[in-house]
Amino acid sequence: MNHVLQTLRRMAHLMVGQPDYDAYLRHMRDHHPGHAPMDRTAFFRNRQEARYGGKNGGKCC
């Protein structure tokens, strides 16, 4: 039951555009052990820029 709730939580976060920092940390640990992962704030900013464009390039109005 706990696994189902965790999966639903991850899905809800992805639907509203909130990336999964814990999954990112697992990926970095498993695939890039020599690189330091971004902290939570840097990760969130990076994902926002990737999704919406960054450096004032993603303005809609």
C-alpha atoms as a PDB file:
ATOM      1  CA  MET A   1       0.000   0.000   0.000  1.00  0.00           C
ATOM      2  CA  ASN A   2       2.867   2.381   0.850  1.00  0.00           C
ATOM      3  CA  HIS A   3       4.417   1.801  -2.587  1.00  0.00           C
ATOM      4  CA  VAL A   4       1.115   2.698  -4.269  1.00  0.00           C
ATOM      5  CA  LEU A   5       0.885   5.947  -2.303  1.00  0.00           C
ATOM      6  CA  GLN A   6       4.472   6.865  -3.178  1.00  0.00           C
ATOM      7  CA  THR A   7       3.782   6.209  -6.860  1.00  0.00           C
ATOM      8  CA  LEU A   8       0.624   8.319  -6.770  1.00  0.00           C
ATOM      9  CA  ARG A   9       2.519  11.117  -5.040  1.00  0.00           C
ATOM     10  CA  ARG A  10       5.245  11.076  -7.711  1.00  0.00           C
ATOM     11  CA  MET A  11       2.627  11.109 -10.468  1.00  0.00           C
ATOM     12  CA  ALA A  12       0.794  14.050  -8.893  1.00  0.00           C
ATOM     13  CA  HIS A  13       4.016  16.027  -8.578  1.00  0.00           C
ATOM     14  CA  LEU A  14       4.918  15.367 -12.211  1.00  0.00           C
ATOM     15  CA  MET A  15       1.434  16.426 -13.364  1.00  0.00           C
ATOM     16  CA  VAL A  16       1.910  19.856 -11.806  1.00  0.00           C
ATOM     17  CA  GLY A  17       5.492  20.159 -12.995  1.00  0.00           C
ATOM     18  CA  GLN A  18       7.328  19.389  -9.773  1.00  0.00           C
ATOM     19  CA  PRO A  19      10.235  17.050 -10.606  1.00  0.00           C
ATOM     20  CA  ASP A  20      11.325  14.205  -8.319  1.00  0.00           C
ATOM     21  CA  TYR A  21      14.550  15.232  -6.564  1.00  0.00           C
ATOM     22  CA  ASP A  22      14.949  11.825  -4.874  1.00  0.00           C
ATOM     23  CA  ALA A  23      14.862  10.071  -8.269  1.00  0.00           C
ATOM     24  CA  TYR A  24      17.504  12.521  -9.508  1.00  0.00           C
ATOM     25  CA  LEU A  25      19.729  11.681  -6.516  1.00  0.00           C
ATOM     26  CA  ARG A  26      19.338   7.943  -7.172  1.00  0.00           C
ATOM     27  CA  HIS A  27      20.207   8.470 -10.835  1.00  0.00           C
ATOM     28  CA  MET A  28      23.308  10.504  -9.959  1.00  0.00           C
ATOM     29  CA  ARG A  29      24.433   7.910  -7.418  1.00  0.00           C
ATOM     30  CA  ASP A  30      23.909   4.990  -9.820  1.00  0.00           C
ATOM     31  CA  HIS A  31      25.107   6.498 -13.100  1.00  0.00           C
ATOM     32  CA  HIS A  32      27.435   9.393 -12.218  1.00  0.00           C
ATOM     33  CA  PRO A  33      29.129   8.496  -8.917  1.00  0.00           C
ATOM     34  CA  GLY A  34      32.058  10.855  -9.525  1.00  0.00           C
ATOM     35  CA  HIS A  35      29.897  13.960  -9.943  1.00  0.00           C
ATOM     36  CA  ALA A  36      28.404  15.981  -7.107  1.00  0.00           C
ATOM     37  CA  PRO A  37      24.616  16.300  -7.453  1.00  0.00           C
ATOM     38  CA  MET A  38      22.893  19.680  -7.466  1.00  0.00           C
ATOM     39  CA  ASP A  39      21.263  20.766  -4.244  1.00  0.00           C
ATOM     40  CA  ARG A  40      17.456  20.819  -4.142  1.00  0.00           C
ATOM     41  CA  THR A  41      17.202  24.530  -5.029  1.00  0.00           C
ATOM     42  CA  ALA A  42      19.590  24.302  -7.987  1.00  0.00           C
ATOM     43  CA  PHE A  43      17.798  21.168  -9.209  1.00  0.00           C
ATOM     44  CA  PHE A  44      14.409  22.891  -9.080  1.00  0.00           C
ATOM     45  CA  ARG A  45      15.727  25.946 -10.960  1.00  0.00           C
ATOM     46  CA  ASN A  46      17.383  23.730 -13.555  1.00  0.00           C
ATOM     47  CA  ARG A  47      14.147  21.818 -14.191  1.00  0.00           C
ATOM     48  CA  GLN A  48      12.110  25.043 -14.369  1.00  0.00           C
ATOM     49  CA  GLU A  49      14.503  26.534 -16.934  1.00  0.00           C
ATOM     50  CA  ALA A  50      14.460  23.322 -18.964  1.00  0.00           C
ATOM     51  CA  ARG A  51      10.671  23.262 -18.978  1.00  0.00           C
ATOM     52  CA  TYR A  52       9.803  26.922 -19.464  1.00  0.00           C
ATOM     53  CA  GLY A  53      12.943  28.413 -20.934  1.00  0.00           C
ATOM     54  CA  GLY A  54      15.307  30.386 -18.828  1.00  0.00           C
ATOM     55  CA  LYS A  55      17.060  33.678 -18.602  1.00  0.00           C
ATOM     56  CA  ASN A  56      13.893  35.621 -19.560  1.00  0.00           C
ATOM     57  CA  GLY A  57      13.491  33.543 -22.712  1.00  0.00           C
ATOM     58  CA  GLY A  58      10.297  31.882 -21.552  1.00  0.00           C
ATOM     59  CA  LYS A  59       8.090  34.926 -21.036  1.00  0.00           C
ATOM     60  CA  CYS A  60       4.627  34.547 -22.472  1.00  0.00           C
ATOM     61  CA  CYS A  61       3.483  38.161 -22.135  1.00  0.00           C
END
